[in-house]
Amino acid sequence: MAPRKDKPPRAWQRMLSGRRLDLLNPSPLDIEIDDIAHGLARVARWNGQTDGHHAFSVAEHCVLVTALAAHFDPKLDRRWRLAALLHDAPEYVIGDMISPFKAALGLDYKAFEHRLLAAIHVRFGLPAELPDKVATLIKRADRASAFLEATQLAGFGVKEAAEFFGRPRGLTGPGSDRFRALVPLPPDKAKAQYLKTFQKLQ
């Protein structure tokens, strides 16, 4: 009698759209923006350690990063604004792990995250690898967002936040007031805000 072969562990996740996303070999064909928006609106930044009646979601963070990137470069092409909106999209599957925990997990986690982001980029007509200049701008906006969230919602003092995230430059002038009053939204509103931003960038 042949020995029983155990089935390999399931490596896909079923989405509300009905798609089954293979986490080890993600296909752009199995990625839907509604799944991304739905998931990100329910993932808390800062492990939920923020002020307000609701968590500040990754969906809201991504919209904020998009606005910051456009503020830093008003001539930023539409598709690079879309890349900013999608910069944390893998977290709709893997959640938002704080940076210290990502570092503890090591390079395999980063490779996994990178592979999923590349598939997301391809799904929405972006290059798998962003130009260095664009990636640098999005990183700048991401760090500025972290500083704003840290000081407005997560209990950091300005000096402490500046040590970890750097003190943002360029947050003055027309339109900058919207960055001074972050309000965590309930998941349905965060999802709607994310999808509205996505539709504007199509």
Protein backbone atom coordinates (compact mmCIF):
# COMPACT_ATOMS: atom_id res chain seq x y z
CA MET A 1 0.00 0.00 0.00
CA ALA A 2 1.44 3.31 -1.11
CA PRO A 3 2.11 5.80 1.69
CA ARG A 4 -0.45 8.57 1.99
CA LYS A 5 0.75 11.83 0.61
CA ASP A 6 -0.34 14.86 2.57
CA LYS A 7 -1.75 17.70 0.54
CA PRO A 8 0.43 20.81 0.46
CA PRO A 9 -0.90 23.59 2.69
CA ARG A 10 -3.37 25.96 1.05
CA ALA A 11 -1.53 29.03 -0.20
CA TRP A 12 -4.42 31.00 -1.68
CA GLN A 13 -6.97 33.32 -0.16
CA ARG A 14 -10.55 33.65 -1.35
CA MET A 15 -11.63 37.25 -1.83
CA LEU A 16 -15.16 38.64 -1.61
CA SER A 17 -15.07 39.11 -5.38
CA GLY A 18 -14.75 35.33 -5.67
CA ARG A 19 -11.12 35.51 -6.82
CA ARG A 20 -8.63 33.10 -5.34
CA LEU A 21 -5.29 34.83 -4.97
CA ASP A 22 -2.27 32.52 -4.85
CA LEU A 23 -0.04 34.12 -2.24
CA LEU A 24 3.10 32.34 -3.43
CA ASN A 25 2.59 33.08 -7.11
CA PRO A 26 0.12 35.98 -7.35
CA SER A 27 -1.48 36.51 -10.75
CA PRO A 28 -2.55 40.00 -11.84
CA LEU A 29 -5.73 38.36 -13.16
CA ASP A 30 -6.82 37.53 -9.60
CA ILE A 31 -6.47 41.07 -8.28
CA GLU A 32 -9.51 43.37 -8.05
CA ILE A 33 -9.53 46.97 -6.83
CA ASP A 34 -12.70 46.42 -4.78
CA ASP A 35 -10.99 43.61 -2.86
CA ILE A 36 -8.00 45.88 -2.22
CA ALA A 37 -10.15 48.79 -1.03
CA HIS A 38 -12.30 46.52 1.14
CA GLY A 39 -9.29 44.93 2.80
CA LEU A 40 -7.24 48.10 3.31
CA ALA A 41 -10.21 49.91 4.85
CA ARG A 42 -10.24 47.24 7.56
CA VAL A 43 -6.51 47.13 8.27
CA ALA A 44 -5.40 49.47 11.06
CA ARG A 45 -2.28 51.57 10.92
CA TRP A 46 -0.10 51.63 14.06
CA ASN A 47 -1.63 48.30 15.16
CA GLY A 48 -4.75 50.27 16.06
CA GLN A 49 -2.93 52.41 18.64
CA THR A 50 -4.45 55.68 17.44
CA ASP A 51 -6.92 58.22 18.79
CA GLY A 52 -10.49 58.35 17.54
CA HIS A 53 -13.63 56.26 17.39
CA HIS A 54 -12.19 54.23 14.51
CA ALA A 55 -8.78 52.93 13.54
CA PHE A 56 -6.83 55.00 11.02
CA SER A 57 -6.86 52.55 8.14
CA VAL A 58 -4.26 51.71 5.53
CA ALA A 59 -6.81 52.84 2.93
CA GLU A 60 -6.81 56.34 4.45
CA HIS A 61 -3.03 56.28 4.70
CA CYS A 62 -2.74 55.46 0.99
CA VAL A 63 -5.06 58.31 0.04
CA LEU A 64 -3.01 60.64 2.24
CA VAL A 65 0.27 59.50 0.63
CA THR A 66 -1.25 60.12 -2.81
CA ALA A 67 -2.23 63.66 -1.81
CA LEU A 68 1.21 64.30 -0.32
CA ALA A 69 3.01 63.03 -3.43
CA ALA A 70 0.90 65.34 -5.60
CA HIS A 71 1.54 68.21 -3.18
CA PHE A 72 5.30 67.68 -3.37
CA ASP A 73 5.15 67.41 -7.17
CA PRO A 74 2.02 69.09 -8.58
CA LYS A 75 2.97 67.96 -12.10
CA LEU A 76 3.18 64.32 -11.07
CA ASP A 77 1.77 62.11 -13.81
CA ARG A 78 -1.57 60.42 -13.14
CA ARG A 79 -0.10 56.90 -13.28
CA TRP A 80 2.51 57.74 -10.64
CA ARG A 81 -0.24 59.09 -8.41
CA LEU A 82 -1.92 55.74 -8.90
CA ALA A 83 1.33 54.04 -7.88
CA ALA A 84 1.26 56.13 -4.69
CA LEU A 85 -2.30 55.01 -3.98
CA LEU A 86 -1.27 51.37 -4.47
CA HIS A 87 2.03 51.56 -2.58
CA ASP A 88 0.70 49.59 0.41
CA ALA A 89 -1.85 47.53 -1.53
CA PRO A 90 -0.23 44.19 -0.59
CA GLU A 91 -1.47 44.80 2.94
CA TYR A 92 -5.00 43.91 1.84
CA VAL A 93 -3.69 40.34 1.98
CA ILE A 94 -0.86 40.38 4.50
CA GLY A 95 -1.98 43.15 6.87
CA ASP A 96 0.02 46.12 8.10
CA MET A 97 3.01 44.98 10.09
CA ILE A 98 4.90 47.66 11.95
CA SER A 99 8.43 48.26 10.65
CA PRO A 100 10.25 46.66 13.62
CA PHE A 101 8.33 43.41 13.08
CA LYS A 102 9.08 43.44 9.33
CA ALA A 103 12.76 43.81 10.17
CA ALA A 104 12.56 40.88 12.56
CA LEU A 105 11.00 38.65 9.89
CA GLY A 106 13.84 39.36 7.49
CA LEU A 107 14.25 39.49 3.72
CA ASP A 108 11.85 36.66 2.84
CA TYR A 109 8.91 38.77 3.98
CA LYS A 110 10.11 41.74 1.93
CA ALA A 111 10.50 39.53 -1.14
CA PHE A 112 6.97 38.20 -0.68
CA GLU A 113 5.59 41.72 -0.31
CA HIS A 114 7.54 42.92 -3.35
CA ARG A 115 6.28 40.05 -5.54
CA LEU A 116 2.67 40.83 -4.65
CA LEU A 117 3.12 44.56 -5.28
CA ALA A 118 4.63 43.81 -8.71
CA ALA A 119 1.53 41.77 -9.63
CA ILE A 120 -0.72 44.62 -8.43
CA HIS A 121 1.21 47.11 -10.55
CA VAL A 122 0.85 44.96 -13.65
CA ARG A 123 -2.88 44.49 -13.00
CA PHE A 124 -3.45 48.24 -13.13
CA GLY A 125 -1.15 49.10 -16.03
CA LEU A 126 1.93 50.17 -14.08
CA PRO A 127 5.45 48.83 -14.51
CA ALA A 128 6.34 46.08 -12.06
CA GLU A 129 9.33 48.19 -10.98
CA LEU A 130 8.81 51.92 -10.58
CA PRO A 131 11.40 54.44 -11.81
CA ASP A 132 13.79 55.37 -9.01
CA LYS A 133 12.65 59.01 -9.04
CA VAL A 134 9.02 57.99 -8.56
CA ALA A 135 9.83 55.42 -5.88
CA THR A 136 11.84 58.07 -4.00
CA LEU A 137 8.97 60.57 -4.16
CA ILE A 138 6.46 58.01 -2.90
CA LYS A 139 8.82 57.08 -0.07
CA ARG A 140 9.11 60.77 0.86
CA ALA A 141 5.32 61.08 0.91
CA ASP A 142 5.05 57.85 2.92
CA ARG A 143 7.44 59.14 5.58
CA ALA A 144 5.65 62.50 5.70
CA SER A 145 2.37 60.65 6.18
CA ALA A 146 3.91 58.60 9.00
CA PHE A 147 5.07 61.81 10.70
CA LEU A 148 1.62 63.39 10.42
CA GLU A 149 -0.13 60.26 11.67
CA ALA A 150 2.36 59.82 14.50
CA THR A 151 1.97 63.35 15.81
CA GLN A 152 -1.78 63.75 15.23
CA LEU A 153 -3.07 60.28 16.05
CA ALA A 154 -0.47 57.93 17.54
CA GLY A 155 0.71 59.92 20.55
CA PHE A 156 4.21 60.85 19.33
CA GLY A 157 5.72 64.20 20.20
CA VAL A 158 7.08 66.24 17.29
CA LYS A 159 10.71 65.70 18.32
CA GLU A 160 10.29 61.94 18.73
CA ALA A 161 8.45 61.58 15.42
CA ALA A 162 11.14 63.60 13.66
CA GLU A 163 13.80 61.20 14.98
CA PHE A 164 12.04 58.18 13.48
CA PHE A 165 10.45 59.56 10.32
CA GLY A 166 12.23 62.84 9.64
CA ARG A 167 10.56 66.23 9.83
CA PRO A 168 8.66 66.75 6.55
CA ARG A 169 9.62 69.67 4.37
CA GLY A 170 7.33 71.29 1.85
CA LEU A 171 4.09 71.07 3.81
CA THR A 172 3.22 74.73 3.40
CA GLY A 173 1.38 76.70 0.78
CA PRO A 174 -2.00 76.17 -0.94
CA GLY A 175 -3.74 72.95 0.01
CA SER A 176 -1.49 72.14 2.94
CA ASP A 177 -4.23 72.73 5.55
CA ARG A 178 -5.80 69.35 4.72
CA PHE A 179 -2.75 67.63 6.20
CA ARG A 180 -3.31 69.14 9.66
CA ALA A 181 -6.57 67.51 10.68
CA LEU A 182 -6.47 63.75 10.15
CA VAL A 183 -9.75 62.06 11.10
CA PRO A 184 -10.04 58.24 11.21
CA LEU A 185 -13.03 57.09 9.18
CA PRO A 186 -15.30 54.08 9.60
CA PRO A 187 -14.39 51.27 7.19
CA ASP A 188 -17.20 51.86 4.70
CA LYS A 189 -16.25 55.52 4.30
CA ALA A 190 -12.53 54.72 4.10
CA LYS A 191 -13.28 52.19 1.35
CA ALA A 192 -15.42 54.69 -0.56
CA GLN A 193 -12.71 57.35 -0.28
CA TYR A 194 -10.09 54.93 -1.60
CA LEU A 195 -12.25 53.84 -4.54
CA LYS A 196 -13.14 57.44 -5.40
CA THR A 197 -9.44 58.34 -5.49
CA PHE A 198 -8.72 55.29 -7.66
CA GLN A 199 -11.49 56.20 -10.12
CA LYS A 200 -10.11 59.73 -10.49
CA LEU A 201 -6.75 58.27 -11.49
CA GLN A 202 -8.12 55.94 -14.19
